[in-house]
N, C-alpha and C. Protein backbone atom coordinates (compact mmCIF):
# COMPACT_ATOMS: atom_id res chain seq x y z
N MET A 1 106.85 101.48 79.17
CA MET A 1 106.24 102.88 79.71
C MET A 1 107.04 104.11 78.81
N GLY A 2 106.82 104.86 78.13
CA GLY A 2 107.29 105.92 77.33
C GLY A 2 107.35 106.94 78.13
N TYR A 3 108.08 107.85 78.00
CA TYR A 3 107.70 109.34 78.31
C TYR A 3 108.51 110.39 77.93
N TYR A 4 108.82 111.59 78.20
CA TYR A 4 109.40 112.57 77.80
C TYR A 4 109.89 113.28 78.83
N GLN A 5 111.54 113.90 78.92
CA GLN A 5 111.71 114.12 79.85
C GLN A 5 112.06 115.90 80.07
N LEU A 6 111.22 116.85 80.95
CA LEU A 6 110.88 118.03 80.48
C LEU A 6 112.02 118.68 81.27
N ASP A 7 112.36 119.44 80.94
CA ASP A 7 113.39 120.75 81.41
C ASP A 7 115.12 120.11 81.69
N ALA A 8 115.57 120.80 81.65
CA ALA A 8 116.95 120.16 82.22
C ALA A 8 117.57 119.75 83.42
N PRO A 9 118.38 118.99 83.43
CA PRO A 9 118.68 118.48 85.35
C PRO A 9 118.57 119.12 85.84
N ILE A 10 118.61 120.91 85.96
CA ILE A 10 118.73 121.52 86.96
C ILE A 10 117.47 121.88 87.35
N GLY A 11 116.53 122.13 86.49
CA GLY A 11 115.14 122.46 86.28
C GLY A 11 114.84 124.19 86.65
N LEU A 12 115.62 125.02 86.03
CA LEU A 12 115.72 126.19 86.88
C LEU A 12 114.13 126.68 85.80
N GLY A 13 113.93 126.05 84.90
CA GLY A 13 112.45 126.82 84.12
C GLY A 13 111.74 126.61 85.08
N LEU A 14 111.37 124.93 84.87
CA LEU A 14 110.52 124.70 85.75
C LEU A 14 110.20 125.15 87.02
N ILE A 15 111.53 125.44 88.04
CA ILE A 15 111.17 125.77 89.03
C ILE A 15 110.01 127.52 88.75
N ALA A 16 110.72 128.11 87.91
CA ALA A 16 110.28 129.07 87.66
C ALA A 16 108.90 129.53 86.93
N ASN A 17 107.91 128.20 86.40
CA ASN A 17 106.70 127.79 86.27
C ASN A 17 106.25 127.68 87.09
N ILE A 18 106.69 126.66 87.79
CA ILE A 18 105.77 126.05 89.17
C ILE A 18 105.75 127.41 90.19
N VAL A 19 106.82 128.50 90.40
CA VAL A 19 106.44 129.56 91.41
C VAL A 19 105.38 130.43 90.48
N ARG A 20 105.78 130.80 89.26
CA ARG A 20 104.48 131.83 88.44
C ARG A 20 103.05 130.88 89.28
N ASP A 21 103.03 129.67 88.49
CA ASP A 21 101.52 128.90 88.59
C ASP A 21 101.00 128.79 90.18
N ALA A 22 101.91 128.75 90.62
CA ALA A 22 101.24 128.89 92.01
C ALA A 22 100.40 129.99 92.72
N LEU A 23 100.75 131.01 92.06
CA LEU A 23 100.52 132.34 92.48
C LEU A 23 99.19 132.12 91.90
N THR A 24 98.52 131.24 91.17
CA THR A 24 97.28 131.59 90.02
C THR A 24 96.43 130.47 91.20
N PRO A 25 94.98 130.52 90.76
CA PRO A 25 94.18 129.94 91.12
C PRO A 25 93.90 128.73 90.61
N LYS A 26 94.79 128.27 89.26
CA LYS A 26 94.65 127.26 88.75
C LYS A 26 96.01 126.71 88.25
N PHE A 27 96.56 126.52 89.14
CA PHE A 27 98.07 125.50 89.33
C PHE A 27 97.97 124.16 88.67
N LEU A 28 96.67 123.38 89.46
CA LEU A 28 96.90 121.72 88.97
C LEU A 28 96.13 121.86 87.36
N GLU A 29 95.78 122.94 86.78
CA GLU A 29 95.32 122.80 85.68
C GLU A 29 96.54 123.09 84.78
N SER A 30 97.77 124.16 85.20
CA SER A 30 98.77 124.07 84.69
C SER A 30 99.49 122.88 84.44
N TRP A 31 99.61 122.26 85.66
CA TRP A 31 100.11 121.06 85.72
C TRP A 31 99.83 120.21 84.76
N GLN A 32 98.65 119.86 84.84
CA GLN A 32 98.05 119.21 83.84
C GLN A 32 98.24 119.53 82.20
N GLN A 33 98.04 120.65 81.64
CA GLN A 33 98.57 121.01 80.62
C GLN A 33 100.34 120.67 80.30
N HIS A 34 101.26 121.16 81.38
CA HIS A 34 102.74 120.82 81.33
C HIS A 34 102.61 119.30 80.79
N VAL A 35 101.63 118.09 81.41
CA VAL A 35 102.14 116.76 81.59
C VAL A 35 101.30 116.64 80.25
N THR A 36 100.24 117.08 80.00
CA THR A 36 99.49 116.47 78.93
C THR A 36 99.88 116.83 77.40
N ALA A 37 100.87 117.92 77.42
CA ALA A 37 101.69 118.41 76.04
C ALA A 37 102.39 117.46 75.96
N HIS A 38 103.01 116.98 76.80
CA HIS A 38 104.18 115.89 76.24
C HIS A 38 103.89 114.64 76.36
N GLY A 39 102.44 113.92 76.05
CA GLY A 39 102.58 112.53 76.06
C GLY A 39 101.80 112.36 76.98
N HIS A 40 101.47 112.59 78.24
CA HIS A 40 100.84 112.23 79.36
C HIS A 40 102.12 111.65 80.45
N THR A 41 102.59 111.55 80.18
CA THR A 41 103.83 110.80 81.01
C THR A 41 105.40 111.66 80.95
N VAL A 42 105.82 112.09 81.84
CA VAL A 42 107.25 113.37 82.00
C VAL A 42 107.73 113.19 83.33
N ILE A 43 109.02 113.08 82.52
CA ILE A 43 109.66 113.29 83.80
C ILE A 43 110.43 114.18 83.63
N PHE A 44 110.60 114.65 85.25
CA PHE A 44 111.59 116.64 84.99
C PHE A 44 112.33 116.53 86.23
N TRP A 45 113.15 117.26 86.33
CA TRP A 45 114.22 117.18 87.38
C TRP A 45 114.15 118.51 87.96
N LEU A 46 114.03 119.00 89.46
CA LEU A 46 114.15 119.75 90.51
C LEU A 46 115.42 119.93 91.23
N CYS A 47 116.56 120.45 90.68
CA CYS A 47 117.51 120.39 91.26
C CYS A 47 117.98 119.05 90.93
N GLU A 48 117.96 118.26 91.98
CA GLU A 48 118.92 116.77 91.95
C GLU A 48 117.97 115.67 92.02
N THR A 49 116.41 116.03 91.93
CA THR A 49 115.97 115.13 92.46
C THR A 49 114.98 115.23 90.66
N ARG A 50 115.05 113.52 90.26
CA ARG A 50 114.20 113.17 88.95
C ARG A 50 112.60 113.04 89.67
N THR A 51 111.80 113.38 88.98
CA THR A 51 110.58 112.94 89.17
C THR A 51 109.75 112.52 87.83
N LEU A 52 108.95 111.51 88.12
CA LEU A 52 107.97 110.71 87.30
C LEU A 52 106.48 111.45 87.54
N VAL A 53 105.83 112.12 86.36
CA VAL A 53 104.23 112.29 86.65
C VAL A 53 103.67 111.96 85.31
N THR A 54 102.65 111.06 85.83
CA THR A 54 101.56 110.32 84.53
C THR A 54 100.21 110.77 84.50
N ALA A 55 99.53 111.03 83.67
CA ALA A 55 98.08 111.16 83.54
C ALA A 55 97.54 110.14 82.70
N GLU A 56 98.56 109.32 82.52
CA GLU A 56 98.12 108.20 81.42
C GLU A 56 97.57 107.09 82.50
N PRO A 57 96.00 106.45 82.46
CA PRO A 57 96.00 105.31 83.34
C PRO A 57 96.63 104.31 83.27
N GLU A 58 96.90 103.97 82.43
CA GLU A 58 97.75 102.05 82.31
C GLU A 58 98.90 102.67 82.52
N ASN A 59 99.96 103.63 82.81
CA ASN A 59 101.34 103.95 83.57
C ASN A 59 101.08 104.09 84.78
N ALA A 60 99.81 104.72 85.14
CA ALA A 60 99.50 104.57 86.72
C ALA A 60 99.16 103.09 87.39
N GLN A 61 98.63 102.50 86.64
CA GLN A 61 98.01 101.27 86.84
C GLN A 61 99.43 100.19 86.80
N ALA A 62 100.43 100.16 85.99
CA ALA A 62 101.68 99.59 86.06
C ALA A 62 102.33 100.07 87.47
N ILE A 63 102.76 101.48 87.59
CA ILE A 63 103.25 101.74 88.81
C ILE A 63 102.90 101.47 89.65
N LEU A 64 101.68 101.29 90.15
CA LEU A 64 100.85 100.93 91.44
C LEU A 64 100.78 99.10 91.53
N THR A 65 100.87 99.01 90.56
CA THR A 65 100.67 96.90 90.69
C THR A 65 101.95 96.33 90.00
N THR A 66 102.67 95.93 88.94
CA THR A 66 103.76 96.00 88.35
C THR A 66 104.94 95.88 89.44
N PHE A 67 105.14 97.87 88.62
CA PHE A 67 106.40 98.34 89.37
C PHE A 67 106.54 98.79 90.51
N PHE A 68 105.59 98.27 91.53
CA PHE A 68 105.25 99.05 92.83
C PHE A 68 106.83 99.23 93.43
N ASP A 69 107.40 98.45 93.59
CA ASP A 69 108.63 98.57 94.03
C ASP A 69 109.70 98.96 93.65
N ASP A 70 109.52 99.40 91.94
CA ASP A 70 110.13 99.99 91.85
C ASP A 70 110.12 101.52 92.26
N PHE A 71 109.07 101.95 92.24
CA PHE A 71 108.54 103.51 92.51
C PHE A 71 108.74 103.95 94.25
N GLU A 72 109.49 103.64 94.93
CA GLU A 72 109.74 104.57 96.68
C GLU A 72 109.19 105.81 96.39
N PRO A 73 108.75 106.33 97.43
CA PRO A 73 108.47 107.53 97.45
C PRO A 73 109.46 108.52 97.83
N GLY A 74 110.95 107.85 98.61
CA GLY A 74 111.66 108.88 98.66
C GLY A 74 111.55 109.93 99.81
N SER A 75 112.70 110.59 100.03
CA SER A 75 112.51 111.90 101.53
C SER A 75 111.68 112.36 100.80
N ASN A 76 111.88 113.08 99.18
CA ASN A 76 110.76 114.35 99.40
C ASN A 76 109.56 113.57 99.51
N ARG A 77 109.11 113.03 99.04
CA ARG A 77 107.53 112.94 99.32
C ARG A 77 107.08 112.56 100.95
N ARG A 78 108.06 112.22 101.09
CA ARG A 78 107.80 111.85 102.55
C ARG A 78 107.59 113.24 103.00
N ALA A 79 108.39 113.91 103.50
CA ALA A 79 108.56 115.50 103.84
C ALA A 79 107.43 116.44 103.48
N GLY A 80 106.83 115.58 102.01
CA GLY A 80 105.86 116.89 101.24
C GLY A 80 104.34 116.28 102.18
N PHE A 81 104.30 114.86 101.84
CA PHE A 81 103.30 114.05 102.01
C PHE A 81 102.59 113.86 103.80
N GLY A 82 103.48 113.70 104.34
CA GLY A 82 104.13 113.41 106.10
C GLY A 82 103.54 114.43 106.51
N THR A 83 103.62 115.82 106.11
CA THR A 83 103.24 116.75 107.27
C THR A 83 101.75 116.68 106.96
N VAL A 84 101.29 116.16 105.52
CA VAL A 84 99.46 116.49 105.19
C VAL A 84 99.07 115.21 105.85
N ILE A 85 99.16 113.89 105.51
CA ILE A 85 98.38 112.91 105.47
C ILE A 85 99.05 111.80 106.35
N GLY A 86 100.45 112.25 106.78
CA GLY A 86 100.95 111.42 108.02
C GLY A 86 101.52 110.24 106.76
N ASN A 87 101.93 109.28 107.52
CA ASN A 87 103.25 108.40 107.12
C ASN A 87 102.49 107.01 106.36
N GLY A 88 101.63 107.21 105.49
CA GLY A 88 100.94 105.92 104.82
C GLY A 88 101.28 105.84 103.60
N ILE A 89 100.53 104.79 102.84
CA ILE A 89 100.86 104.72 101.67
C ILE A 89 101.88 105.49 100.93
N PHE A 90 101.36 106.69 100.81
CA PHE A 90 101.55 107.25 99.80
C PHE A 90 103.29 108.28 100.42
N ALA A 91 103.68 108.15 101.44
CA ALA A 91 104.66 108.71 102.08
C ALA A 91 105.86 107.37 102.58
N ALA A 92 105.34 106.42 103.07
CA ALA A 92 106.47 105.27 103.79
C ALA A 92 106.84 104.95 102.87
N ASP A 93 108.45 104.25 102.97
CA ASP A 93 109.11 103.14 102.32
C ASP A 93 109.29 102.14 103.13
N GLY A 94 109.25 101.00 102.08
CA GLY A 94 109.90 99.66 102.61
C GLY A 94 108.69 98.78 103.06
N ALA A 95 108.90 98.15 104.38
CA ALA A 95 107.88 97.58 105.34
C ALA A 95 107.07 98.13 105.71
N GLN A 96 107.22 99.42 106.10
CA GLN A 96 105.80 100.21 106.38
C GLN A 96 105.01 100.35 104.76
N ARG A 97 105.54 100.57 103.94
CA ARG A 97 104.69 100.65 102.41
C ARG A 97 104.03 99.15 102.26
N SER A 98 104.91 98.63 102.45
CA SER A 98 104.13 96.92 102.46
C SER A 98 102.78 96.56 102.92
N ALA A 99 103.53 96.86 104.63
CA ALA A 99 102.05 96.85 105.12
C ALA A 99 100.74 97.65 104.77
N SER A 100 101.29 99.08 105.02
CA SER A 100 99.92 100.20 104.20
C SER A 100 99.32 99.57 102.78
N ARG A 101 100.22 98.94 101.96
CA ARG A 101 99.50 98.13 100.65
C ARG A 101 98.60 96.71 100.92
N ALA A 102 99.29 96.07 101.62
CA ALA A 102 98.58 94.82 102.48
C ALA A 102 96.95 95.21 103.01
N LEU A 103 97.21 95.96 103.46
CA LEU A 103 95.94 96.79 104.41
C LEU A 103 94.55 97.35 103.53
N LEU A 104 95.02 98.09 102.29
CA LEU A 104 94.52 98.41 101.26
C LEU A 104 94.13 97.72 100.20
N ARG A 105 94.94 96.76 99.87
CA ARG A 105 94.44 95.50 99.04
C ARG A 105 93.27 95.35 98.57
N PRO A 106 92.36 94.76 100.02
CA PRO A 106 90.81 94.45 99.89
C PRO A 106 90.31 95.04 99.27
N SER A 107 90.43 96.82 99.54
CA SER A 107 89.83 97.86 99.06
C SER A 107 89.82 97.77 97.71
N PHE A 108 90.65 97.17 96.99
CA PHE A 108 90.82 97.37 95.08
C PHE A 108 90.37 96.23 94.65
N ALA A 109 89.68 95.13 95.39
CA ALA A 109 89.07 94.20 94.67
C ALA A 109 88.12 94.45 93.66
N LYS A 110 88.04 93.66 92.27
CA LYS A 110 87.28 94.17 90.92
C LYS A 110 85.86 94.98 91.47
N SER A 111 85.47 94.29 92.58
CA SER A 111 83.86 94.51 92.49
C SER A 111 83.86 95.66 93.24
N ARG A 112 84.69 95.96 94.31
CA ARG A 112 84.88 97.14 94.69
C ARG A 112 85.43 98.48 93.82
N VAL A 113 86.11 98.12 92.42
CA VAL A 113 87.06 99.11 92.24
C VAL A 113 85.76 99.56 91.13
N ASP A 114 84.82 98.67 90.45
CA ASP A 114 83.97 99.03 89.66
C ASP A 114 82.95 99.90 90.03
N ASP A 115 83.05 100.14 91.25
CA ASP A 115 81.99 100.59 92.16
C ASP A 115 82.51 102.08 92.14
N THR A 116 82.31 102.71 91.03
CA THR A 116 82.85 104.53 91.11
C THR A 116 82.31 105.18 91.68
N GLU A 117 80.86 104.68 92.03
CA GLU A 117 80.00 106.16 92.39
C GLU A 117 79.94 106.45 94.03
N ILE A 118 80.33 105.09 94.90
CA ILE A 118 80.69 105.40 95.87
C ILE A 118 82.42 105.95 95.65
N PHE A 119 83.33 105.82 95.22
CA PHE A 119 84.23 106.77 95.14
C PHE A 119 84.18 107.65 94.88
N ASP A 120 83.64 108.12 94.04
CA ASP A 120 82.92 109.70 93.49
C ASP A 120 82.07 110.26 94.47
N LYS A 121 81.62 110.04 95.29
CA LYS A 121 80.88 110.49 96.91
C LYS A 121 82.02 110.72 97.32
N HIS A 122 82.72 109.66 98.20
CA HIS A 122 83.78 110.02 99.13
C HIS A 122 84.79 111.12 98.91
N PHE A 123 85.29 110.72 97.37
CA PHE A 123 86.28 111.73 96.82
C PHE A 123 85.88 113.24 97.01
N LYS A 124 84.54 112.99 96.56
CA LYS A 124 83.83 114.94 96.37
C LYS A 124 83.32 115.25 98.29
N ASP A 125 83.33 114.45 98.87
CA ASP A 125 83.17 114.70 100.24
C ASP A 125 84.66 115.22 101.03
N SER A 126 85.88 114.44 100.54
CA SER A 126 86.72 114.90 101.35
C SER A 126 87.32 116.09 100.23
N CYS A 127 87.03 116.53 99.23
CA CYS A 127 87.76 117.87 98.74
C CYS A 127 86.93 119.19 99.17
N ARG A 128 85.61 118.53 99.37
CA ARG A 128 84.71 119.64 100.31
C ARG A 128 85.10 119.90 101.70
N ARG A 129 85.57 119.20 102.63
CA ARG A 129 86.00 119.15 103.68
C ARG A 129 87.48 119.82 103.70
N TYR A 130 88.48 119.40 102.62
CA TYR A 130 89.80 120.09 102.58
C TYR A 130 89.75 121.84 102.45
N LEU A 131 88.47 121.84 101.28
CA LEU A 131 88.59 123.01 100.69
C LEU A 131 88.25 124.17 101.85
N VAL A 132 87.25 123.70 102.45
CA VAL A 132 86.71 124.46 103.43
C VAL A 132 87.74 124.62 104.62
N THR A 133 88.76 123.69 104.87
CA THR A 133 89.49 124.04 105.67
C THR A 133 90.46 124.82 105.64
N MET A 134 90.61 124.75 104.08
CA MET A 134 92.06 125.95 103.70
C MET A 134 91.28 127.53 103.53
N GLU A 135 89.85 127.79 103.67
CA GLU A 135 89.71 128.87 103.53
C GLU A 135 89.79 129.67 104.90
């Protein structure tokens, strides 16, 4: 998995960009531009925390399958995701994360993954509900 390291270890430039971009309605678009400008996979530092972000499907698949145990969420993700979605697969570590993954595994069978229409429908429904509650 190739990557580009974005910003210095302290990440002051990146912090400034995050603050600037967070004040605009195009925050996610800005992040996508940061990532794709450097080959779709970047590692950046925020203070003393190293974070990997990828927009490369093959890298995401490797992280979620082959290297799953190498990418534990850690305390920062637990703090961020935990308040929004609880302590599920995206925020849990260790045995709880493995148990959550085992529960979800049948949903990712080849026949289910190939059915993108149902995923698209549910994703759009979730976005509409989330965006309505944010207003």
